[in-house]
Amino acid sequence: MPAIRYPADLPITSRREDILAAIRGHQVVILAGETGSGKTTQLPKMCLEVAGEEMRGKIGCTQPRRVAAMSVSKRVAEELGVQWGREVGCKMRFSDDTGRDTRIKFMTDGILLAEIQSDPMLRSYSMLILDEAHERSLNIDFLLGYLHGLLKKRPDLKLVVTSATIDTEAFSKH
């Protein structure tokens, strides 16, 4: 994997060190930021940076919509300079563009829910990013409740919850 670069013009880039420290130091990180700040494209790269070479599981990134999951996965692969479908891929209903070498896997939140049925401990993941959590769909609500219990059983699993308009205090208490 080539060196990870962050676009200087994105607001999230100026907070990179703070975010990396938060991910390293905590099992759960709640991150709120303006739309367009770079959360969706840069956080998976930051998680990859934290995981380093000894990465044990994939970084799973959920998006509420198929179009977003597909376009963001392609953008992140391009920014990392890797082949889409290998190191960075996307899985949606009827379409799986991931493989053995996939380190960052984008998917709809429905796909992650479906994976819980066959792997209740989500062993293939070392980190999960639930993006757009403010949308508060049934899928997101169920995932947040399920992961709340799973994190107690999997202290090695990290969770990053992001949103443009999230109530960080309420989410942190949960």
C-alpha atoms as a PDB file:
ATOM      1  CA  MET A   1       0.000   0.000   0.000  1.00  0.00           C
ATOM      2  CA  PRO A   2       1.481   3.371  -0.984  1.00  0.00           C
ATOM      3  CA  ALA A   3       1.862   6.277   1.430  1.00  0.00           C
ATOM      4  CA  ILE A   4      -1.460   7.713   2.551  1.00  0.00           C
ATOM      5  CA  ARG A   5      -2.045  11.325   1.555  1.00  0.00           C
ATOM      6  CA  TYR A   6      -4.774  13.689   2.653  1.00  0.00           C
ATOM      7  CA  PRO A   7      -6.040  16.631   0.568  1.00  0.00           C
ATOM      8  CA  ALA A   8      -4.905  19.832   2.314  1.00  0.00           C
ATOM      9  CA  ASP A   9      -8.077  21.693   1.331  1.00  0.00           C
ATOM     10  CA  LEU A  10     -10.395  19.420   3.358  1.00  0.00           C
ATOM     11  CA  PRO A  11     -11.194  20.637   6.900  1.00  0.00           C
ATOM     12  CA  ILE A  12     -10.771  17.130   8.350  1.00  0.00           C
ATOM     13  CA  THR A  13      -7.105  17.113   7.287  1.00  0.00           C
ATOM     14  CA  SER A  14      -6.209  19.835   9.783  1.00  0.00           C
ATOM     15  CA  ARG A  15      -7.614  17.632  12.592  1.00  0.00           C
ATOM     16  CA  ARG A  16      -5.916  14.446  11.370  1.00  0.00           C
ATOM     17  CA  GLU A  17      -3.570  14.010  14.359  1.00  0.00           C
ATOM     18  CA  ASP A  18      -6.424  14.532  16.851  1.00  0.00           C
ATOM     19  CA  ILE A  19      -8.590  11.996  15.028  1.00  0.00           C
ATOM     20  CA  LEU A  20      -5.767   9.437  14.754  1.00  0.00           C
ATOM     21  CA  ALA A  21      -5.099   9.808  18.497  1.00  0.00           C
ATOM     22  CA  ALA A  22      -8.806   9.361  19.282  1.00  0.00           C
ATOM     23  CA  ILE A  23      -9.039   6.195  17.159  1.00  0.00           C
ATOM     24  CA  ARG A  24      -5.853   4.781  18.701  1.00  0.00           C
ATOM     25  CA  GLY A  25      -6.947   5.607  22.250  1.00  0.00           C
ATOM     26  CA  HIS A  26     -10.623   4.658  22.251  1.00  0.00           C
ATOM     27  CA  GLN A  27     -12.770   1.747  21.170  1.00  0.00           C
ATOM     28  CA  VAL A  28     -15.569   4.077  20.058  1.00  0.00           C
ATOM     29  CA  VAL A  29     -15.162   7.489  18.425  1.00  0.00           C
ATOM     30  CA  ILE A  30     -18.107   9.773  17.646  1.00  0.00           C
ATOM     31  CA  LEU A  31     -17.230  12.329  14.975  1.00  0.00           C
ATOM     32  CA  ALA A  32     -19.413  15.205  13.840  1.00  0.00           C
ATOM     33  CA  GLY A  33     -18.423  17.479  11.003  1.00  0.00           C
ATOM     34  CA  GLU A  34     -19.900  19.670   8.327  1.00  0.00           C
ATOM     35  CA  THR A  35     -21.030  18.174   5.050  1.00  0.00           C
ATOM     36  CA  GLY A  36     -18.076  18.377   2.678  1.00  0.00           C
ATOM     37  CA  SER A  37     -15.457  18.310   5.442  1.00  0.00           C
ATOM     38  CA  GLY A  38     -14.001  15.021   4.167  1.00  0.00           C
ATOM     39  CA  LYS A  39     -15.306  12.597   6.798  1.00  0.00           C
ATOM     40  CA  THR A  40     -16.583  10.004   4.351  1.00  0.00           C
ATOM     41  CA  THR A  41     -13.465   9.779   2.171  1.00  0.00           C
ATOM     42  CA  GLN A  42     -10.693  10.515   4.673  1.00  0.00           C
ATOM     43  CA  LEU A  43     -11.776   8.550   7.781  1.00  0.00           C
ATOM     44  CA  PRO A  44     -11.301   5.142   6.105  1.00  0.00           C
ATOM     45  CA  LYS A  45      -7.763   6.226   5.187  1.00  0.00           C
ATOM     46  CA  MET A  46      -7.130   7.352   8.775  1.00  0.00           C
ATOM     47  CA  CYS A  47      -8.369   3.984  10.058  1.00  0.00           C
ATOM     48  CA  LEU A  48      -6.025   2.285   7.598  1.00  0.00           C
ATOM     49  CA  GLU A  49      -3.177   4.409   8.920  1.00  0.00           C
ATOM     50  CA  VAL A  50      -4.018   3.406  12.518  1.00  0.00           C
ATOM     51  CA  ALA A  51      -4.289  -0.278  11.584  1.00  0.00           C
ATOM     52  CA  GLY A  52      -0.882  -0.255   9.898  1.00  0.00           C
ATOM     53  CA  GLU A  53       0.746  -3.272   8.377  1.00  0.00           C
ATOM     54  CA  GLU A  54      -0.315  -5.686  11.121  1.00  0.00           C
ATOM     55  CA  MET A  55      -3.973  -5.152  10.269  1.00  0.00           C
ATOM     56  CA  ARG A  56      -5.925  -8.196  11.444  1.00  0.00           C
ATOM     57  CA  GLY A  57      -9.327  -7.531   9.872  1.00  0.00           C
ATOM     58  CA  LYS A  58     -11.007  -5.344   7.324  1.00  0.00           C
ATOM     59  CA  ILE A  59     -12.177  -1.796   7.828  1.00  0.00           C
ATOM     60  CA  GLY A  60     -15.889  -1.854   7.115  1.00  0.00           C
ATOM     61  CA  CYS A  61     -17.566   1.405   6.073  1.00  0.00           C
ATOM     62  CA  THR A  62     -21.328   1.633   5.849  1.00  0.00           C
ATOM     63  CA  GLN A  63     -23.280   4.072   3.734  1.00  0.00           C
ATOM     64  CA  PRO A  64     -27.070   4.403   3.762  1.00  0.00           C
ATOM     65  CA  ARG A  65     -27.322   4.311  -0.037  1.00  0.00           C
ATOM     66  CA  ARG A  66     -25.879   2.077  -2.763  1.00  0.00           C
ATOM     67  CA  VAL A  67     -24.794   4.971  -4.995  1.00  0.00           C
ATOM     68  CA  ALA A  68     -22.799   6.534  -2.149  1.00  0.00           C
ATOM     69  CA  ALA A  69     -21.124   3.232  -1.217  1.00  0.00           C
ATOM     70  CA  MET A  70     -20.045   2.667  -4.822  1.00  0.00           C
ATOM     71  CA  SER A  71     -18.842   6.184  -5.593  1.00  0.00           C
ATOM     72  CA  VAL A  72     -17.012   6.691  -2.284  1.00  0.00           C
ATOM     73  CA  SER A  73     -15.243   3.326  -2.571  1.00  0.00           C
ATOM     74  CA  LYS A  74     -13.987   4.241  -6.035  1.00  0.00           C
ATOM     75  CA  ARG A  75     -12.852   7.662  -4.815  1.00  0.00           C
ATOM     76  CA  VAL A  76     -10.923   6.208  -1.862  1.00  0.00           C
ATOM     77  CA  ALA A  77      -9.256   3.596  -4.099  1.00  0.00           C
ATOM     78  CA  GLU A  78      -8.231   6.370  -6.491  1.00  0.00           C
ATOM     79  CA  GLU A  79      -6.854   8.549  -3.679  1.00  0.00           C
ATOM     80  CA  LEU A  80      -4.859   5.608  -2.308  1.00  0.00           C
ATOM     81  CA  GLY A  81      -3.589   4.723  -5.776  1.00  0.00           C
ATOM     82  CA  VAL A  82      -4.853   1.138  -5.574  1.00  0.00           C
ATOM     83  CA  GLN A  83      -6.998  -0.994  -7.829  1.00  0.00           C
ATOM     84  CA  TRP A  84     -10.687  -0.738  -7.007  1.00  0.00           C
ATOM     85  CA  GLY A  85     -12.067  -4.155  -6.122  1.00  0.00           C
ATOM     86  CA  ARG A  86      -8.787  -5.299  -4.590  1.00  0.00           C
ATOM     87  CA  GLU A  87      -7.503  -3.284  -1.601  1.00  0.00           C
ATOM     88  CA  VAL A  88     -10.614  -1.094  -1.588  1.00  0.00           C
ATOM     89  CA  GLY A  89     -13.919  -2.571  -2.650  1.00  0.00           C
ATOM     90  CA  CYS A  90     -17.659  -2.390  -2.330  1.00  0.00           C
ATOM     91  CA  LYS A  91     -20.360  -4.926  -1.520  1.00  0.00           C
ATOM     92  CA  MET A  92     -24.034  -4.362  -2.190  1.00  0.00           C
ATOM     93  CA  ARG A  93     -27.007  -6.609  -2.773  1.00  0.00           C
ATOM     94  CA  PHE A  94     -26.354  -8.698  -5.911  1.00  0.00           C
ATOM     95  CA  SER A  95     -22.820  -7.265  -6.279  1.00  0.00           C
ATOM     96  CA  ASP A  96     -19.592  -8.038  -4.411  1.00  0.00           C
ATOM     97  CA  ASP A  97     -16.515  -6.192  -5.648  1.00  0.00           C
ATOM     98  CA  THR A  98     -14.230  -7.252  -2.794  1.00  0.00           C
ATOM     99  CA  GLY A  99     -11.683 -10.014  -2.433  1.00  0.00           C
ATOM    100  CA  ARG A 100      -9.025 -11.580  -0.235  1.00  0.00           C
ATOM    101  CA  ASP A 101      -6.826  -8.482  -0.508  1.00  0.00           C
ATOM    102  CA  THR A 102      -9.593  -6.026   0.432  1.00  0.00           C
ATOM    103  CA  ARG A 103      -8.589  -3.889   3.400  1.00  0.00           C
ATOM    104  CA  ILE A 104     -11.324  -1.247   3.169  1.00  0.00           C
ATOM    105  CA  LYS A 105     -14.812  -2.535   2.373  1.00  0.00           C
ATOM    106  CA  PHE A 106     -17.645  -0.132   1.645  1.00  0.00           C
ATOM    107  CA  MET A 107     -21.194  -1.431   1.902  1.00  0.00           C
ATOM    108  CA  THR A 108     -24.735  -0.415   2.600  1.00  0.00           C
ATOM    109  CA  ASP A 109     -25.829  -0.702   6.221  1.00  0.00           C
ATOM    110  CA  GLY A 110     -28.196  -3.474   5.076  1.00  0.00           C
ATOM    111  CA  ILE A 111     -25.222  -5.581   3.960  1.00  0.00           C
ATOM    112  CA  LEU A 112     -23.595  -5.287   7.389  1.00  0.00           C
ATOM    113  CA  LEU A 113     -26.901  -6.353   8.971  1.00  0.00           C
ATOM    114  CA  ALA A 114     -27.013  -9.379   6.664  1.00  0.00           C
ATOM    115  CA  GLU A 115     -23.416 -10.297   7.554  1.00  0.00           C
ATOM    116  CA  ILE A 116     -24.339 -10.377  11.253  1.00  0.00           C
ATOM    117  CA  GLN A 117     -26.582 -13.373  10.502  1.00  0.00           C
ATOM    118  CA  SER A 118     -23.666 -15.498   9.305  1.00  0.00           C
ATOM    119  CA  ASP A 119     -20.969 -13.934  11.531  1.00  0.00           C
ATOM    120  CA  PRO A 120     -22.531 -12.565  14.750  1.00  0.00           C
ATOM    121  CA  MET A 121     -19.103 -11.554  16.120  1.00  0.00           C
ATOM    122  CA  LEU A 122     -18.154  -9.774  12.857  1.00  0.00           C
ATOM    123  CA  ARG A 123     -14.730 -11.461  13.051  1.00  0.00           C
ATOM    124  CA  SER A 124     -13.677 -10.316   9.574  1.00  0.00           C
ATOM    125  CA  TYR A 125     -13.557  -6.685  10.776  1.00  0.00           C
ATOM    126  CA  SER A 126     -11.089  -4.857  13.002  1.00  0.00           C
ATOM    127  CA  MET A 127     -12.795  -1.466  12.548  1.00  0.00           C
ATOM    128  CA  LEU A 128     -16.234  -0.293  11.503  1.00  0.00           C
ATOM    129  CA  ILE A 129     -17.272   3.160  10.343  1.00  0.00           C
ATOM    130  CA  LEU A 130     -21.003   3.904  10.461  1.00  0.00           C
ATOM    131  CA  ASP A 131     -21.332   6.969   8.273  1.00  0.00           C
ATOM    132  CA  GLU A 132     -24.379   9.239   8.083  1.00  0.00           C
ATOM    133  CA  ALA A 133     -25.665   7.992  11.454  1.00  0.00           C
ATOM    134  CA  HIS A 134     -27.984  11.006  11.731  1.00  0.00           C
ATOM    135  CA  GLU A 135     -30.227   9.458   9.074  1.00  0.00           C
ATOM    136  CA  ARG A 136     -31.549   7.230  11.878  1.00  0.00           C
ATOM    137  CA  SER A 137     -32.988   4.503   9.685  1.00  0.00           C
ATOM    138  CA  LEU A 138     -34.133   1.241  11.229  1.00  0.00           C
ATOM    139  CA  ASN A 139     -30.923  -0.318   9.895  1.00  0.00           C
ATOM    140  CA  ILE A 140     -28.713   2.243  11.666  1.00  0.00           C
ATOM    141  CA  ASP A 141     -30.740   2.008  14.874  1.00  0.00           C
ATOM    142  CA  PHE A 142     -30.474  -1.771  14.873  1.00  0.00           C
ATOM    143  CA  LEU A 143     -26.749  -1.694  14.066  1.00  0.00           C
ATOM    144  CA  LEU A 144     -26.043   0.786  16.864  1.00  0.00           C
ATOM    145  CA  GLY A 145     -27.942  -1.357  19.360  1.00  0.00           C
ATOM    146  CA  TYR A 146     -26.289  -4.566  18.191  1.00  0.00           C
ATOM    147  CA  LEU A 147     -22.794  -3.079  18.149  1.00  0.00           C
ATOM    148  CA  HIS A 148     -23.322  -1.652  21.656  1.00  0.00           C
ATOM    149  CA  GLY A 149     -23.509  -5.246  22.926  1.00  0.00           C
ATOM    150  CA  LEU A 150     -20.887  -6.654  20.565  1.00  0.00           C
ATOM    151  CA  LEU A 151     -18.214  -4.129  21.576  1.00  0.00           C
ATOM    152  CA  LYS A 152     -18.277  -5.556  25.115  1.00  0.00           C
ATOM    153  CA  LYS A 153     -17.517  -9.014  23.697  1.00  0.00           C
ATOM    154  CA  ARG A 154     -14.955  -7.721  21.172  1.00  0.00           C
ATOM    155  CA  PRO A 155     -12.603  -5.238  22.866  1.00  0.00           C
ATOM    156  CA  ASP A 156     -10.388  -5.474  19.748  1.00  0.00           C
ATOM    157  CA  LEU A 157     -13.130  -4.039  17.494  1.00  0.00           C
ATOM    158  CA  LYS A 158     -13.106  -0.274  16.959  1.00  0.00           C
ATOM    159  CA  LEU A 159     -16.170   1.727  15.946  1.00  0.00           C
ATOM    160  CA  VAL A 160     -16.295   5.198  14.421  1.00  0.00           C
ATOM    161  CA  VAL A 161     -19.746   6.799  14.148  1.00  0.00           C
ATOM    162  CA  THR A 162     -19.954   9.865  11.913  1.00  0.00           C
ATOM    163  CA  SER A 163     -22.526  12.382  10.882  1.00  0.00           C
ATOM    164  CA  ALA A 164     -22.973  15.963   9.792  1.00  0.00           C
ATOM    165  CA  THR A 165     -25.663  16.648  12.385  1.00  0.00           C
ATOM    166  CA  ILE A 166     -25.195  14.033  15.104  1.00  0.00           C
ATOM    167  CA  ASP A 167     -25.911  14.760  18.763  1.00  0.00           C
ATOM    168  CA  THR A 168     -22.427  13.755  19.947  1.00  0.00           C
ATOM    169  CA  GLU A 169     -23.360  13.910  23.647  1.00  0.00           C
ATOM    170  CA  ALA A 170     -26.380  11.606  23.258  1.00  0.00           C
ATOM    171  CA  PHE A 171     -24.431   9.146  21.105  1.00  0.00           C
ATOM    172  CA  SER A 172     -21.494   9.184  23.533  1.00  0.00           C
ATOM    173  CA  LYS A 173     -23.771   8.370  26.462  1.00  0.00           C
ATOM    174  CA  HIS A 174     -25.197   5.404  24.558  1.00  0.00           C
END
